[in-house]
């Protein structure tokens, strides 16, 4: 069972690293289609969130500041759910089902980050 848990600890952060890299590869597209219209400096926000995703994933993968990284990623996922996916899911229309799927995916990732921070994180130097 220990090998199973260790494998999960190594696989889980890959999601955030890859999503973060996607932010750098498709910044303009993401700024136009994902970032809400009321947000300023859309492309800059895409790059900042991409960096946060990569850094958070790396912190969990490397085990350095991993509790902080997982906690900040959970908070980020909550903000994405509330500011991006929830309005789309409640808006109806063709994109509502896709928005609801993305909302549920991000809720699951948020829960995973919270469990990682509580049960798995090794470096508790910043957040006890």
Protein backbone atom coordinates (compact mmCIF):
# COMPACT_ATOMS: atom_id res chain seq x y z
CA UNK A 1 0.00 0.00 0.00
CA UNK A 2 2.91 2.34 0.65
CA UNK A 3 4.09 2.01 -2.97
CA UNK A 4 0.53 2.80 -4.13
CA UNK A 5 0.44 6.00 -2.03
CA UNK A 6 3.90 7.03 -3.20
CA UNK A 7 2.86 6.55 -6.81
CA UNK A 8 -0.20 8.75 -6.26
CA UNK A 9 1.98 11.38 -4.60
CA UNK A 10 4.12 11.48 -7.74
CA UNK A 11 1.26 11.39 -10.27
CA UNK A 12 -1.04 14.01 -8.71
CA UNK A 13 1.26 17.06 -9.15
CA UNK A 14 1.83 16.26 -12.83
CA UNK A 15 -1.69 17.51 -13.54
CA UNK A 16 -0.88 20.99 -12.28
CA UNK A 17 2.49 21.15 -14.00
CA UNK A 18 0.96 20.21 -17.36
CA UNK A 19 -2.00 22.60 -16.94
CA UNK A 20 0.47 25.35 -16.04
CA UNK A 21 2.55 24.66 -19.15
CA UNK A 22 -0.64 24.84 -21.25
CA UNK A 23 -1.12 28.37 -19.92
CA UNK A 24 2.23 29.36 -21.44
CA UNK A 25 1.62 27.60 -24.75
CA UNK A 26 -1.90 29.01 -25.31
CA UNK A 27 -1.92 32.27 -23.34
CA UNK A 28 -3.77 34.36 -25.90
CA UNK A 29 -6.44 31.73 -26.51
CA UNK A 30 -6.96 31.22 -22.79
CA UNK A 31 -7.13 34.96 -22.22
CA UNK A 32 -9.92 35.25 -24.79
CA UNK A 33 -11.99 32.18 -23.92
CA UNK A 34 -11.36 31.32 -20.26
CA UNK A 35 -10.63 34.53 -18.36
CA UNK A 36 -13.90 36.37 -17.56
CA UNK A 37 -14.53 39.57 -19.50
CA UNK A 38 -14.57 41.70 -16.35
CA UNK A 39 -10.98 40.76 -15.43
CA UNK A 40 -8.21 43.22 -16.39
CA UNK A 41 -4.86 42.29 -17.99
CA UNK A 42 -6.09 38.90 -19.17
CA UNK A 43 -2.86 37.65 -20.75
CA UNK A 44 -0.82 38.63 -17.71
CA UNK A 45 -3.28 36.75 -15.48
CA UNK A 46 -2.91 33.67 -17.67
CA UNK A 47 0.88 33.78 -17.33
CA UNK A 48 0.69 34.37 -13.57
CA UNK A 49 -1.73 31.50 -13.02
CA UNK A 50 0.38 29.27 -15.25
CA UNK A 51 3.44 30.05 -13.15
CA UNK A 52 1.47 29.39 -9.97
CA UNK A 53 0.27 26.03 -11.27
CA UNK A 54 3.77 24.96 -12.29
CA UNK A 55 5.33 26.13 -9.02
CA UNK A 56 2.61 24.51 -6.93
CA UNK A 57 2.95 21.24 -8.80
CA UNK A 58 6.73 21.30 -8.50
CA UNK A 59 6.53 22.01 -4.78
CA UNK A 60 4.39 18.90 -4.29
CA UNK A 61 6.52 16.81 -6.64
CA UNK A 62 9.78 17.82 -4.97
CA UNK A 63 8.41 17.89 -1.43
CA UNK A 64 9.77 21.38 -0.73
CA UNK A 65 7.16 23.80 0.65
CA UNK A 66 4.61 21.21 -0.46
CA UNK A 67 2.01 22.05 2.19
CA UNK A 68 2.11 25.71 1.16
CA UNK A 69 1.96 24.79 -2.52
CA UNK A 70 -0.97 22.41 -2.09
CA UNK A 71 -2.86 24.91 0.08
CA UNK A 72 -2.37 27.74 -2.42
CA UNK A 73 -3.41 25.46 -5.29
CA UNK A 74 -6.59 24.52 -3.39
CA UNK A 75 -7.37 28.21 -2.91
CA UNK A 76 -6.69 28.89 -6.58
CA UNK A 77 -9.00 26.03 -7.62
CA UNK A 78 -11.76 27.50 -5.43
CA UNK A 79 -11.35 30.89 -7.10
CA UNK A 80 -11.46 29.31 -10.56
CA UNK A 81 -14.63 27.40 -9.66
CA UNK A 82 -16.36 30.51 -8.34
CA UNK A 83 -15.15 33.06 -10.89
CA UNK A 84 -14.89 31.05 -14.12
CA UNK A 85 -16.87 27.81 -14.10
CA UNK A 86 -19.87 28.60 -11.90
CA UNK A 87 -21.09 31.56 -13.97
CA UNK A 88 -20.75 29.48 -17.13
CA UNK A 89 -22.56 26.50 -15.62
CA UNK A 90 -25.41 28.65 -14.36
CA UNK A 91 -25.68 30.63 -17.59
CA UNK A 92 -27.29 27.80 -19.51
CA UNK A 93 -26.86 27.31 -23.21
CA UNK A 94 -24.49 25.01 -25.05
CA UNK A 95 -21.46 25.65 -22.84
CA UNK A 96 -23.22 24.96 -19.54
CA UNK A 97 -22.51 21.24 -19.56
CA UNK A 98 -18.83 21.80 -20.34
CA UNK A 99 -18.62 24.43 -17.60
CA UNK A 100 -20.23 22.04 -15.12
CA UNK A 101 -17.75 19.30 -16.07
CA UNK A 102 -14.84 21.68 -15.57
CA UNK A 103 -16.34 22.89 -12.29
CA UNK A 104 -16.54 19.33 -10.96
CA UNK A 105 -13.02 18.55 -12.17
CA UNK A 106 -11.61 21.58 -10.39
CA UNK A 107 -13.59 20.79 -7.23
CA UNK A 108 -12.01 17.33 -7.28
CA UNK A 109 -8.54 18.79 -7.77
CA UNK A 110 -9.20 21.24 -4.94
CA UNK A 111 -10.21 18.38 -2.65
CA UNK A 112 -7.11 16.45 -3.67
CA UNK A 113 -4.92 19.45 -2.84
CA UNK A 114 -6.59 19.80 0.54
CA UNK A 115 -6.04 16.11 1.32
CA UNK A 116 -2.43 16.35 0.11
CA UNK A 117 -1.79 19.36 2.34
CA UNK A 118 -3.24 17.62 5.37
CA UNK A 119 -2.11 14.01 4.99
CA UNK A 120 0.83 13.87 2.57
CA UNK A 121 2.80 17.12 2.81
CA UNK A 122 6.21 16.75 4.40
CA UNK A 123 7.53 20.31 4.51
CA UNK A 124 5.51 22.16 7.11
CA UNK A 125 8.08 24.93 7.63
CA UNK A 126 5.81 27.79 6.50
CA UNK A 127 2.35 26.41 7.27
CA UNK A 128 2.51 24.27 10.41
